[in-house]
């Protein structure tokens, strides 16, 4: 297993959808839990990194676990061991870069 770095790349917000569908409308604003540039490290055991959004974690954990296990998104992505994913909030989604870092966890020395 490899460590995985999760970086917030973008925060989107669609105020017209918020006004149409949310009780509080566009005043809810973009995601209040994460900021562009935030970085988190996944070290295994399905444990969510401290400070990460629990709803986004549910949405992107499959990709994180897959990267940690050594999967690849080549030939679609330029870099091996890396993928771009987002949470499923349709009004204020957050886009993440998920990439493996360092050596294998629990490697035999």
PDB file of N, CA and C in Angstrom:
ATOM      1  N   UNK A   1       0.839  -1.186   0.000  1.00  0.00           N
ATOM      2  CA  UNK A   1       0.000   0.000   0.000  1.00  0.00           C
ATOM      3  C   UNK A   1       0.881   1.245   0.000  1.00  0.00           C
ATOM      4  N   UNK A   2       0.420   2.267  -0.690  1.00  0.00           N
ATOM      5  CA  UNK A   2       1.145   3.536  -0.752  1.00  0.00           C
ATOM      6  C   UNK A   2       0.370   4.623  -0.017  1.00  0.00           C
ATOM      7  N   UNK A   3       1.111   5.614   0.459  1.00  0.00           N
ATOM      8  CA  UNK A   3       0.457   6.802   0.994  1.00  0.00           C
ATOM      9  C   UNK A   3      -0.139   7.568  -0.182  1.00  0.00           C
ATOM     10  N   UNK A   4      -1.208   8.301   0.096  1.00  0.00           N
ATOM     11  CA  UNK A   4      -1.885   9.064  -0.945  1.00  0.00           C
ATOM     12  C   UNK A   4      -2.063  10.495  -0.467  1.00  0.00           C
ATOM     13  N   UNK A   5      -1.653  11.433  -1.311  1.00  0.00           N
ATOM     14  CA  UNK A   5      -1.861  12.850  -1.014  1.00  0.00           C
ATOM     15  C   UNK A   5      -3.109  13.316  -1.750  1.00  0.00           C
ATOM     16  N   UNK A   6      -3.977  13.997  -1.012  1.00  0.00           N
ATOM     17  CA  UNK A   6      -5.218  14.537  -1.559  1.00  0.00           C
ATOM     18  C   UNK A   6      -5.102  16.058  -1.496  1.00  0.00           C
ATOM     19  N   UNK A   7      -5.190  16.705  -2.648  1.00  0.00           N
ATOM     20  CA  UNK A   7      -5.054  18.158  -2.713  1.00  0.00           C
ATOM     21  C   UNK A   7      -6.324  18.766  -3.294  1.00  0.00           C
ATOM     22  N   UNK A   8      -6.843  19.796  -2.651  1.00  0.00           N
ATOM     23  CA  UNK A   8      -8.009  20.505  -3.169  1.00  0.00           C
ATOM     24  C   UNK A   8      -7.548  21.399  -4.316  1.00  0.00           C
ATOM     25  N   UNK A   9      -8.062  21.121  -5.514  1.00  0.00           N
ATOM     26  CA  UNK A   9      -7.695  21.898  -6.703  1.00  0.00           C
ATOM     27  C   UNK A   9      -8.654  23.056  -6.962  1.00  0.00           C
ATOM     28  N   UNK A  10      -9.953  22.802  -6.790  1.00  0.00           N
ATOM     29  CA  UNK A  10     -10.958  23.822  -7.104  1.00  0.00           C
ATOM     30  C   UNK A  10     -12.173  23.655  -6.212  1.00  0.00           C
ATOM     31  N   UNK A  11     -12.852  24.767  -5.995  1.00  0.00           N
ATOM     32  CA  UNK A  11     -14.160  24.774  -5.352  1.00  0.00           C
ATOM     33  C   UNK A  11     -15.108  25.469  -6.310  1.00  0.00           C
ATOM     34  N   UNK A  12     -16.142  24.784  -6.698  1.00  0.00           N
ATOM     35  CA  UNK A  12     -17.130  25.356  -7.609  1.00  0.00           C
ATOM     36  C   UNK A  12     -18.375  25.746  -6.823  1.00  0.00           C
ATOM     37  N   UNK A  13     -19.166  26.634  -7.390  1.00  0.00           N
ATOM     38  CA  UNK A  13     -20.446  27.006  -6.786  1.00  0.00           C
ATOM     39  C   UNK A  13     -21.363  27.494  -7.889  1.00  0.00           C
ATOM     40  N   UNK A  14     -22.587  26.968  -7.909  1.00  0.00           N
ATOM     41  CA  UNK A  14     -23.567  27.316  -8.918  1.00  0.00           C
ATOM     42  C   UNK A  14     -24.744  28.017  -8.244  1.00  0.00           C
ATOM     43  N   UNK A  15     -24.651  29.360  -8.101  1.00  0.00           N
ATOM     44  CA  UNK A  15     -25.670  30.101  -7.355  1.00  0.00           C
ATOM     45  C   UNK A  15     -27.072  29.984  -7.948  1.00  0.00           C
ATOM     46  N   UNK A  16     -27.176  29.873  -9.276  1.00  0.00           N
ATOM     47  CA  UNK A  16     -28.496  29.749  -9.886  1.00  0.00           C
ATOM     48  C   UNK A  16     -29.177  28.446  -9.477  1.00  0.00           C
ATOM     49  N   UNK A  17     -28.400  27.369  -9.341  1.00  0.00           N
ATOM     50  CA  UNK A  17     -28.958  26.103  -8.867  1.00  0.00           C
ATOM     51  C   UNK A  17     -29.294  26.183  -7.383  1.00  0.00           C
ATOM     52  N   UNK A  18     -28.450  26.859  -6.629  1.00  0.00           N
ATOM     53  CA  UNK A  18     -28.707  27.034  -5.199  1.00  0.00           C
ATOM     54  C   UNK A  18     -30.022  27.782  -4.992  1.00  0.00           C
ATOM     55  N   UNK A  19     -30.230  28.865  -5.733  1.00  0.00           N
ATOM     56  CA  UNK A  19     -31.475  29.629  -5.599  1.00  0.00           C
ATOM     57  C   UNK A  19     -32.693  28.795  -5.979  1.00  0.00           C
ATOM     58  N   UNK A  20     -32.532  27.955  -6.986  1.00  0.00           N
ATOM     59  CA  UNK A  20     -33.666  27.158  -7.451  1.00  0.00           C
ATOM     60  C   UNK A  20     -33.983  25.984  -6.527  1.00  0.00           C
ATOM     61  N   UNK A  21     -32.951  25.364  -5.923  1.00  0.00           N
ATOM     62  CA  UNK A  21     -33.177  24.102  -5.225  1.00  0.00           C
ATOM     63  C   UNK A  21     -32.937  24.103  -3.715  1.00  0.00           C
ATOM     64  N   UNK A  22     -32.150  25.021  -3.202  1.00  0.00           N
ATOM     65  CA  UNK A  22     -31.832  24.988  -1.775  1.00  0.00           C
ATOM     66  C   UNK A  22     -32.704  25.948  -0.974  1.00  0.00           C
ATOM     67  N   UNK A  23     -33.046  25.559   0.214  1.00  0.00           N
ATOM     68  CA  UNK A  23     -33.868  26.389   1.098  1.00  0.00           C
ATOM     69  C   UNK A  23     -33.227  27.751   1.324  1.00  0.00           C
ATOM     70  N   UNK A  24     -31.912  27.770   1.563  1.00  0.00           N
ATOM     71  CA  UNK A  24     -31.210  29.030   1.827  1.00  0.00           C
ATOM     72  C   UNK A  24     -30.658  29.687   0.569  1.00  0.00           C
ATOM     73  N   UNK A  25     -30.897  29.088  -0.586  1.00  0.00           N
ATOM     74  CA  UNK A  25     -30.466  29.686  -1.844  1.00  0.00           C
ATOM     75  C   UNK A  25     -28.972  29.915  -1.923  1.00  0.00           C
ATOM     76  N   UNK A  26     -28.595  30.930  -2.707  1.00  0.00           N
ATOM     77  CA  UNK A  26     -27.179  31.168  -2.975  1.00  0.00           C
ATOM     78  C   UNK A  26     -26.397  31.659  -1.764  1.00  0.00           C
ATOM     79  N   UNK A  27     -27.080  32.037  -0.682  1.00  0.00           N
ATOM     80  CA  UNK A  27     -26.327  32.487   0.492  1.00  0.00           C
ATOM     81  C   UNK A  27     -25.568  31.338   1.167  1.00  0.00           C
ATOM     82  N   UNK A  28     -25.831  30.075   0.770  1.00  0.00           N
ATOM     83  CA  UNK A  28     -25.047  28.960   1.327  1.00  0.00           C
ATOM     84  C   UNK A  28     -23.595  29.051   0.867  1.00  0.00           C
ATOM     85  N   UNK A  29     -23.363  29.581  -0.319  1.00  0.00           N
ATOM     86  CA  UNK A  29     -22.007  29.752  -0.841  1.00  0.00           C
ATOM     87  C   UNK A  29     -21.304  28.447  -1.146  1.00  0.00           C
ATOM     88  N   UNK A  30     -20.041  28.538  -1.536  1.00  0.00           N
ATOM     89  CA  UNK A  30     -19.254  27.341  -1.841  1.00  0.00           C
ATOM     90  C   UNK A  30     -18.965  26.543  -0.569  1.00  0.00           C
ATOM     91  N   UNK A  31     -18.424  25.372  -0.735  1.00  0.00           N
ATOM     92  CA  UNK A  31     -18.110  24.476   0.384  1.00  0.00           C
ATOM     93  C   UNK A  31     -17.375  25.236   1.495  1.00  0.00           C
ATOM     94  N   UNK A  32     -17.898  25.197   2.716  1.00  0.00           N
ATOM     95  CA  UNK A  32     -17.258  25.907   3.814  1.00  0.00           C
ATOM     96  C   UNK A  32     -16.182  25.093   4.537  1.00  0.00           C
ATOM     97  N   UNK A  33     -16.046  23.815   4.176  1.00  0.00           N
ATOM     98  CA  UNK A  33     -15.146  22.929   4.924  1.00  0.00           C
ATOM     99  C   UNK A  33     -13.734  22.829   4.368  1.00  0.00           C
ATOM    100  N   UNK A  34     -13.580  23.068   3.066  1.00  0.00           N
ATOM    101  CA  UNK A  34     -12.280  22.883   2.422  1.00  0.00           C
ATOM    102  C   UNK A  34     -11.906  24.136   1.641  1.00  0.00           C
ATOM    103  N   UNK A  35     -10.597  24.349   1.490  1.00  0.00           N
ATOM    104  CA  UNK A  35     -10.088  25.482   0.721  1.00  0.00           C
ATOM    105  C   UNK A  35      -9.118  24.998  -0.345  1.00  0.00           C
ATOM    106  N   UNK A  36      -9.073  25.726  -1.452  1.00  0.00           N
ATOM    107  CA  UNK A  36      -8.114  25.411  -2.514  1.00  0.00           C
ATOM    108  C   UNK A  36      -6.715  25.404  -1.914  1.00  0.00           C
ATOM    109  N   UNK A  37      -5.971  24.361  -2.237  1.00  0.00           N
ATOM    110  CA  UNK A  37      -4.610  24.219  -1.729  1.00  0.00           C
ATOM    111  C   UNK A  37      -4.496  23.336  -0.502  1.00  0.00           C
ATOM    112  N   UNK A  38      -5.614  23.049   0.187  1.00  0.00           N
ATOM    113  CA  UNK A  38      -5.553  22.133   1.328  1.00  0.00           C
ATOM    114  C   UNK A  38      -4.965  20.800   0.875  1.00  0.00           C
ATOM    115  N   UNK A  39      -4.102  20.242   1.704  1.00  0.00           N
ATOM    116  CA  UNK A  39      -3.517  18.930   1.428  1.00  0.00           C
ATOM    117  C   UNK A  39      -3.760  18.006   2.609  1.00  0.00           C
ATOM    118  N   UNK A  40      -4.058  16.762   2.280  1.00  0.00           N
ATOM    119  CA  UNK A  40      -4.313  15.736   3.279  1.00  0.00           C
ATOM    120  C   UNK A  40      -3.548  14.485   2.875  1.00  0.00           C
ATOM    121  N   UNK A  41      -3.087  13.715   3.863  1.00  0.00           N
ATOM    122  CA  UNK A  41      -2.374  12.472   3.586  1.00  0.00           C
ATOM    123  C   UNK A  41      -3.183  11.299   4.108  1.00  0.00           C
ATOM    124  N   UNK A  42      -3.446  10.352   3.215  1.00  0.00           N
ATOM    125  CA  UNK A  42      -4.090   9.085   3.567  1.00  0.00           C
ATOM    126  C   UNK A  42      -2.989   8.076   3.823  1.00  0.00           C
ATOM    127  N   UNK A  43      -3.038   7.455   5.012  1.00  0.00           N
ATOM    128  CA  UNK A  43      -1.991   6.505   5.385  1.00  0.00           C
ATOM    129  C   UNK A  43      -2.510   5.087   5.542  1.00  0.00           C
ATOM    130  N   UNK A  44      -3.693   4.812   5.030  1.00  0.00           N
ATOM    131  CA  UNK A  44      -4.222   3.459   5.066  1.00  0.00           C
ATOM    132  C   UNK A  44      -5.281   3.246   6.129  1.00  0.00           C
ATOM    133  N   UNK A  45      -5.728   2.019   6.235  1.00  0.00           N
ATOM    134  CA  UNK A  45      -6.725   1.578   7.218  1.00  0.00           C
ATOM    135  C   UNK A  45      -8.073   2.271   7.063  1.00  0.00           C
ATOM    136  N   UNK A  46      -8.390   2.782   5.912  1.00  0.00           N
ATOM    137  CA  UNK A  46      -9.660   3.450   5.624  1.00  0.00           C
ATOM    138  C   UNK A  46      -9.915   4.648   6.529  1.00  0.00           C
ATOM    139  N   UNK A  47      -8.884   5.132   7.216  1.00  0.00           N
ATOM    140  CA  UNK A  47      -9.037   6.245   8.141  1.00  0.00           C
ATOM    141  C   UNK A  47      -9.005   7.568   7.382  1.00  0.00           C
ATOM    142  N   UNK A  48     -10.069   8.337   7.538  1.00  0.00           N
ATOM    143  CA  UNK A  48     -10.167   9.651   6.909  1.00  0.00           C
ATOM    144  C   UNK A  48      -9.156  10.597   7.557  1.00  0.00           C
ATOM    145  N   UNK A  49      -8.396  11.343   6.760  1.00  0.00           N
ATOM    146  CA  UNK A  49      -7.468  12.315   7.338  1.00  0.00           C
ATOM    147  C   UNK A  49      -8.206  13.359   8.176  1.00  0.00           C
ATOM    148  N   UNK A  50      -7.592  13.771   9.249  1.00  0.00           N
ATOM    149  CA  UNK A  50      -8.183  14.769  10.127  1.00  0.00           C
ATOM    150  C   UNK A  50      -8.452  16.067   9.354  1.00  0.00           C
ATOM    151  N   UNK A  51      -9.634  16.635   9.572  1.00  0.00           N
ATOM    152  CA  UNK A  51     -10.002  17.887   8.928  1.00  0.00           C
ATOM    153  C   UNK A  51     -10.643  17.737   7.561  1.00  0.00           C
ATOM    154  N   UNK A  52     -10.716  16.502   7.051  1.00  0.00           N
ATOM    155  CA  UNK A  52     -11.310  16.273   5.735  1.00  0.00           C
ATOM    156  C   UNK A  52     -12.833  16.237   5.857  1.00  0.00           C
ATOM    157  N   UNK A  53     -13.530  16.614   4.810  1.00  0.00           N
ATOM    158  CA  UNK A  53     -14.994  16.596   4.798  1.00  0.00           C
ATOM    159  C   UNK A  53     -15.496  15.153   4.753  1.00  0.00           C
ATOM    160  N   UNK A  54     -16.309  14.735   5.715  1.00  0.00           N
ATOM    161  CA  UNK A  54     -16.794  13.356   5.723  1.00  0.00           C
ATOM    162  C   UNK A  54     -17.649  12.996   4.510  1.00  0.00           C
ATOM    163  N   UNK A  55     -18.397  13.955   3.980  1.00  0.00           N
ATOM    164  CA  UNK A  55     -19.221  13.667   2.803  1.00  0.00           C
ATOM    165  C   UNK A  55     -18.341  13.472   1.566  1.00  0.00           C
ATOM    166  N   UNK A  56     -17.338  14.316   1.402  1.00  0.00           N
ATOM    167  CA  UNK A  56     -16.411  14.152   0.275  1.00  0.00           C
ATOM    168  C   UNK A  56     -15.639  12.845   0.421  1.00  0.00           C
ATOM    169  N   UNK A  57     -15.291  12.486   1.660  1.00  0.00           N
ATOM    170  CA  UNK A  57     -14.562  11.232   1.897  1.00  0.00           C
ATOM    171  C   UNK A  57     -15.357  10.042   1.379  1.00  0.00           C
ATOM    172  N   UNK A  58     -16.645  10.021   1.680  1.00  0.00           N
ATOM    173  CA  UNK A  58     -17.497   8.927   1.193  1.00  0.00           C
ATOM    174  C   UNK A  58     -17.480   8.890  -0.332  1.00  0.00           C
ATOM    175  N   UNK A  59     -17.505  10.059  -0.961  1.00  0.00           N
ATOM    176  CA  UNK A  59     -17.543  10.136  -2.419  1.00  0.00           C
ATOM    177  C   UNK A  59     -16.252   9.691  -3.087  1.00  0.00           C
ATOM    178  N   UNK A  60     -15.102  10.033  -2.516  1.00  0.00           N
ATOM    179  CA  UNK A  60     -13.832   9.799  -3.229  1.00  0.00           C
ATOM    180  C   UNK A  60     -12.988   8.673  -2.639  1.00  0.00           C
ATOM    181  N   UNK A  61     -13.445   8.040  -1.564  1.00  0.00           N
ATOM    182  CA  UNK A  61     -12.632   6.994  -0.925  1.00  0.00           C
ATOM    183  C   UNK A  61     -12.249   5.871  -1.887  1.00  0.00           C
ATOM    184  N   UNK A  62     -13.140   5.482  -2.768  1.00  0.00           N
ATOM    185  CA  UNK A  62     -12.840   4.396  -3.715  1.00  0.00           C
ATOM    186  C   UNK A  62     -11.595   4.719  -4.551  1.00  0.00           C
ATOM    187  N   UNK A  63     -11.503   5.945  -5.020  1.00  0.00           N
ATOM    188  CA  UNK A  63     -10.339   6.353  -5.814  1.00  0.00           C
ATOM    189  C   UNK A  63      -9.078   6.383  -4.957  1.00  0.00           C
ATOM    190  N   UNK A  64      -9.200   6.843  -3.721  1.00  0.00           N
ATOM    191  CA  UNK A  64      -8.054   6.905  -2.812  1.00  0.00           C
ATOM    192  C   UNK A  64      -7.548   5.503  -2.514  1.00  0.00           C
ATOM    193  N   UNK A  65      -8.462   4.616  -2.181  1.00  0.00           N
ATOM    194  CA  UNK A  65      -8.102   3.230  -1.884  1.00  0.00           C
ATOM    195  C   UNK A  65      -7.465   2.551  -3.090  1.00  0.00           C
ATOM    196  N   UNK A  66      -8.011   2.814  -4.251  1.00  0.00           N
ATOM    197  CA  UNK A  66      -7.483   2.246  -5.492  1.00  0.00           C
ATOM    198  C   UNK A  66      -6.057   2.724  -5.760  1.00  0.00           C
ATOM    199  N   UNK A  67      -5.823   4.028  -5.621  1.00  0.00           N
ATOM    200  CA  UNK A  67      -4.472   4.564  -5.819  1.00  0.00           C
ATOM    201  C   UNK A  67      -3.505   3.975  -4.793  1.00  0.00           C
ATOM    202  N   UNK A  68      -3.937   3.864  -3.560  1.00  0.00           N
ATOM    203  CA  UNK A  68      -3.098   3.311  -2.498  1.00  0.00           C
ATOM    204  C   UNK A  68      -2.696   1.871  -2.799  1.00  0.00           C
ATOM    205  N   UNK A  69      -3.588   1.160  -3.485  1.00  0.00           N
ATOM    206  CA  UNK A  69      -3.330  -0.245  -3.818  1.00  0.00           C
ATOM    207  C   UNK A  69      -2.516  -0.409  -5.091  1.00  0.00           C
ATOM    208  N   UNK A  70      -2.167   0.701  -5.733  1.00  0.00           N
ATOM    209  CA  UNK A  70      -1.297   0.628  -6.900  1.00  0.00           C
ATOM    210  C   UNK A  70      -1.979   0.706  -8.245  1.00  0.00           C
ATOM    211  N   UNK A  71      -3.256   1.080  -8.281  1.00  0.00           N
ATOM    212  CA  UNK A  71      -3.912   1.172  -9.587  1.00  0.00           C
ATOM    213  C   UNK A  71      -3.360   2.361 -10.373  1.00  0.00           C
ATOM    214  N   UNK A  72      -3.690   2.377 -11.636  1.00  0.00           N
ATOM    215  CA  UNK A  72      -3.216   3.437 -12.509  1.00  0.00           C
ATOM    216  C   UNK A  72      -4.373   3.970 -13.342  1.00  0.00           C
ATOM    217  N   UNK A  73      -4.288   5.196 -13.747  1.00  0.00           N
ATOM    218  CA  UNK A  73      -5.293   5.788 -14.638  1.00  0.00           C
ATOM    219  C   UNK A  73      -4.683   6.086 -15.996  1.00  0.00           C
ATOM    220  N   UNK A  74      -3.519   5.511 -16.254  1.00  0.00           N
ATOM    221  CA  UNK A  74      -2.925   5.639 -17.579  1.00  0.00           C
ATOM    222  C   UNK A  74      -3.701   4.726 -18.510  1.00  0.00           C
ATOM    223  N   UNK A  75      -3.918   5.053 -19.725  1.00  0.00           N
ATOM    224  CA  UNK A  75      -3.333   6.124 -20.513  1.00  0.00           C
ATOM    225  C   UNK A  75      -4.116   7.428 -20.464  1.00  0.00           C
ATOM    226  N   UNK A  76      -5.176   7.509 -19.649  1.00  0.00           N
ATOM    227  CA  UNK A  76      -5.995   8.722 -19.637  1.00  0.00           C
ATOM    228  C   UNK A  76      -5.290   9.886 -18.955  1.00  0.00           C
ATOM    229  N   UNK A  77      -4.572   9.611 -17.883  1.00  0.00           N
ATOM    230  CA  UNK A  77      -3.848  10.668 -17.166  1.00  0.00           C
ATOM    231  C   UNK A  77      -2.389  10.677 -17.590  1.00  0.00           C
ATOM    232  N   UNK A  78      -1.784  11.845 -17.570  1.00  0.00           N
ATOM    233  CA  UNK A  78      -0.382  11.986 -17.954  1.00  0.00           C
ATOM    234  C   UNK A  78       0.552  11.344 -16.941  1.00  0.00           C
ATOM    235  N   UNK A  79       0.166  11.376 -15.671  1.00  0.00           N
ATOM    236  CA  UNK A  79       1.036  10.904 -14.601  1.00  0.00           C
ATOM    237  C   UNK A  79       0.496   9.602 -14.020  1.00  0.00           C
ATOM    238  N   UNK A  80       1.352   8.611 -13.879  1.00  0.00           N
ATOM    239  CA  UNK A  80       0.959   7.348 -13.271  1.00  0.00           C
ATOM    240  C   UNK A  80       0.752   7.556 -11.771  1.00  0.00           C
ATOM    241  N   UNK A  81      -0.205   6.854 -11.174  1.00  0.00           N
ATOM    242  CA  UNK A  81      -0.452   6.969  -9.750  1.00  0.00           C
ATOM    243  C   UNK A  81      -1.151   8.260  -9.358  1.00  0.00           C
ATOM    244  N   UNK A  82      -1.941   8.809 -10.269  1.00  0.00           N
ATOM    245  CA  UNK A  82      -2.608  10.089 -10.028  1.00  0.00           C
ATOM    246  C   UNK A  82      -3.955  10.101 -10.748  1.00  0.00           C
ATOM    247  N   UNK A  83      -4.945  10.726 -10.115  1.00  0.00           N
ATOM    248  CA  UNK A  83      -6.248  10.911 -10.754  1.00  0.00           C
ATOM    249  C   UNK A  83      -6.914  12.165 -10.202  1.00  0.00           C
ATOM    250  N   UNK A  84      -7.883  12.685 -10.929  1.00  0.00           N
ATOM    251  CA  UNK A  84      -8.663  13.847 -10.511  1.00  0.00           C
ATOM    252  C   UNK A  84     -10.074  13.360 -10.238  1.00  0.00           C
ATOM    253  N   UNK A  85     -10.597  13.694  -9.053  1.00  0.00           N
ATOM    254  CA  UNK A  85     -11.940  13.279  -8.654  1.00  0.00           C
ATOM    255  C   UNK A  85     -12.652  14.450  -7.977  1.00  0.00           C
ATOM    256  N   UNK A  86     -13.957  14.320  -7.764  1.00  0.00           N
ATOM    257  CA  UNK A  86     -14.675  15.378  -7.055  1.00  0.00           C
ATOM    258  C   UNK A  86     -15.772  14.781  -6.186  1.00  0.00           C
ATOM    259  N   UNK A  87     -16.208  15.566  -5.219  1.00  0.00           N
ATOM    260  CA  UNK A  87     -17.341  15.150  -4.401  1.00  0.00           C
ATOM    261  C   UNK A  87     -18.596  15.289  -5.249  1.00  0.00           C
ATOM    262  N   UNK A  88     -19.681  14.701  -4.786  1.00  0.00           N
ATOM    263  CA  UNK A  88     -20.899  14.665  -5.597  1.00  0.00           C
ATOM    264  C   UNK A  88     -21.900  15.765  -5.254  1.00  0.00           C
ATOM    265  N   UNK A  89     -21.466  16.804  -4.576  1.00  0.00           N
ATOM    266  CA  UNK A  89     -22.356  17.931  -4.310  1.00  0.00           C
ATOM    267  C   UNK A  89     -22.563  18.668  -5.629  1.00  0.00           C
ATOM    268  N   UNK A  90     -23.744  18.571  -6.185  1.00  0.00           N
ATOM    269  CA  UNK A  90     -24.011  19.146  -7.498  1.00  0.00           C
ATOM    270  C   UNK A  90     -24.112  20.657  -7.530  1.00  0.00           C
ATOM    271  N   UNK A  91     -24.222  21.287  -6.382  1.00  0.00           N
ATOM    272  CA  UNK A  91     -24.349  22.741  -6.332  1.00  0.00           C
ATOM    273  C   UNK A  91     -23.041  23.401  -5.926  1.00  0.00           C
ATOM    274  N   UNK A  92     -22.242  22.715  -5.099  1.00  0.00           N
ATOM    275  CA  UNK A  92     -20.949  23.269  -4.675  1.00  0.00           C
ATOM    276  C   UNK A  92     -19.883  22.179  -4.580  1.00  0.00           C
ATOM    277  N   UNK A  93     -19.559  21.564  -5.741  1.00  0.00           N
ATOM    278  CA  UNK A  93     -18.575  20.481  -5.738  1.00  0.00           C
ATOM    279  C   UNK A  93     -17.147  20.984  -5.480  1.00  0.00           C
ATOM    280  N   UNK A  94     -16.344  20.068  -4.953  1.00  0.00           N
ATOM    281  CA  UNK A  94     -14.920  20.318  -4.716  1.00  0.00           C
ATOM    282  C   UNK A  94     -14.152  19.304  -5.558  1.00  0.00           C
ATOM    283  N   UNK A  95     -13.123  19.768  -6.256  1.00  0.00           N
ATOM    284  CA  UNK A  95     -12.312  18.927  -7.140  1.00  0.00           C
ATOM    285  C   UNK A  95     -10.977  18.643  -6.446  1.00  0.00           C
ATOM    286  N   UNK A  96     -10.565  17.369  -6.480  1.00  0.00           N
ATOM    287  CA  UNK A  96      -9.355  16.928  -5.792  1.00  0.00           C
ATOM    288  C   UNK A  96      -8.368  16.271  -6.747  1.00  0.00           C
ATOM    289  N   UNK A  97      -7.084  16.488  -6.480  1.00  0.00           N
ATOM    290  CA  UNK A  97      -6.020  15.703  -7.095  1.00  0.00           C
ATOM    291  C   UNK A  97      -5.669  14.613  -6.083  1.00  0.00           C
ATOM    292  N   UNK A  98      -5.688  13.362  -6.531  1.00  0.00           N
ATOM    293  CA  UNK A  98      -5.364  12.218  -5.685  1.00  0.00           C
ATOM    294  C   UNK A  98      -4.136  11.562  -6.284  1.00  0.00           C
ATOM    295  N   UNK A  99      -3.031  11.516  -5.507  1.00  0.00           N
ATOM    296  CA  UNK A  99      -1.800  10.950  -6.057  1.00  0.00           C
ATOM    297  C   UNK A  99      -1.018  10.195  -5.004  1.00  0.00           C
ATOM    298  N   UNK A 100      -0.382   9.112  -5.445  1.00  0.00           N
ATOM    299  CA  UNK A 100       0.444   8.341  -4.528  1.00  0.00           C
ATOM    300  C   UNK A 100       1.746   9.090  -4.267  1.00  0.00           C
ATOM    301  N   UNK A 101       2.256   8.901  -3.041  1.00  0.00           N
ATOM    302  CA  UNK A 101       3.520   9.540  -2.675  1.00  0.00           C
ATOM    303  C   UNK A 101       4.381   8.550  -1.909  1.00  0.00           C
ATOM    304  N   UNK A 102       5.666   8.747  -1.970  1.00  0.00           N
ATOM    305  CA  UNK A 102       6.601   7.966  -1.163  1.00  0.00           C
ATOM    306  C   UNK A 102       6.615   6.489  -1.485  1.00  0.00           C
ATOM    307  N   UNK A 103       7.162   5.747  -0.546  1.00  0.00           N
ATOM    308  CA  UNK A 103       7.305   4.300  -0.695  1.00  0.00           C
ATOM    309  C   UNK A 103       6.057   3.581  -0.222  1.00  0.00           C
ATOM    310  N   UNK A 104       6.041   2.292  -0.463  1.00  0.00           N
ATOM    311  CA  UNK A 104       4.937   1.470  -0.005  1.00  0.00           C
ATOM    312  C   UNK A 104       4.840   1.491   1.510  1.00  0.00           C
ATOM    313  N   UNK A 105       3.608   1.500   2.014  1.00  0.00           N
ATOM    314  CA  UNK A 105       3.375   1.303   3.439  1.00  0.00           C
ATOM    315  C   UNK A 105       3.596  -0.163   3.760  1.00  0.00           C
ATOM    316  N   UNK A 106       4.038  -0.458   4.923  1.00  0.00           N
ATOM    317  CA  UNK A 106       4.211  -1.850   5.362  1.00  0.00           C
ATOM    318  C   UNK A 106       5.129  -2.644   4.436  1.00  0.00           C
ATOM    319  N   UNK A 107       6.087  -1.998   3.810  1.00  0.00           N
ATOM    320  CA  UNK A 107       6.981  -2.717   2.920  1.00  0.00           C
ATOM    321  C   UNK A 107       7.964  -3.545   3.718  1.00  0.00           C
ATOM    322  N   UNK A 108       8.357  -4.646   3.134  1.00  0.00           N
ATOM    323  CA  UNK A 108       9.328  -5.529   3.775  1.00  0.00           C
ATOM    324  C   UNK A 108      10.719  -4.987   3.488  1.00  0.00           C
ATOM    325  N   UNK A 109      11.461  -4.755   4.523  1.00  0.00           N
ATOM    326  CA  UNK A 109      12.804  -4.172   4.368  1.00  0.00           C
ATOM    327  C   UNK A 109      13.824  -5.264   4.143  1.00  0.00           C
TER     328      UNK A 109
END
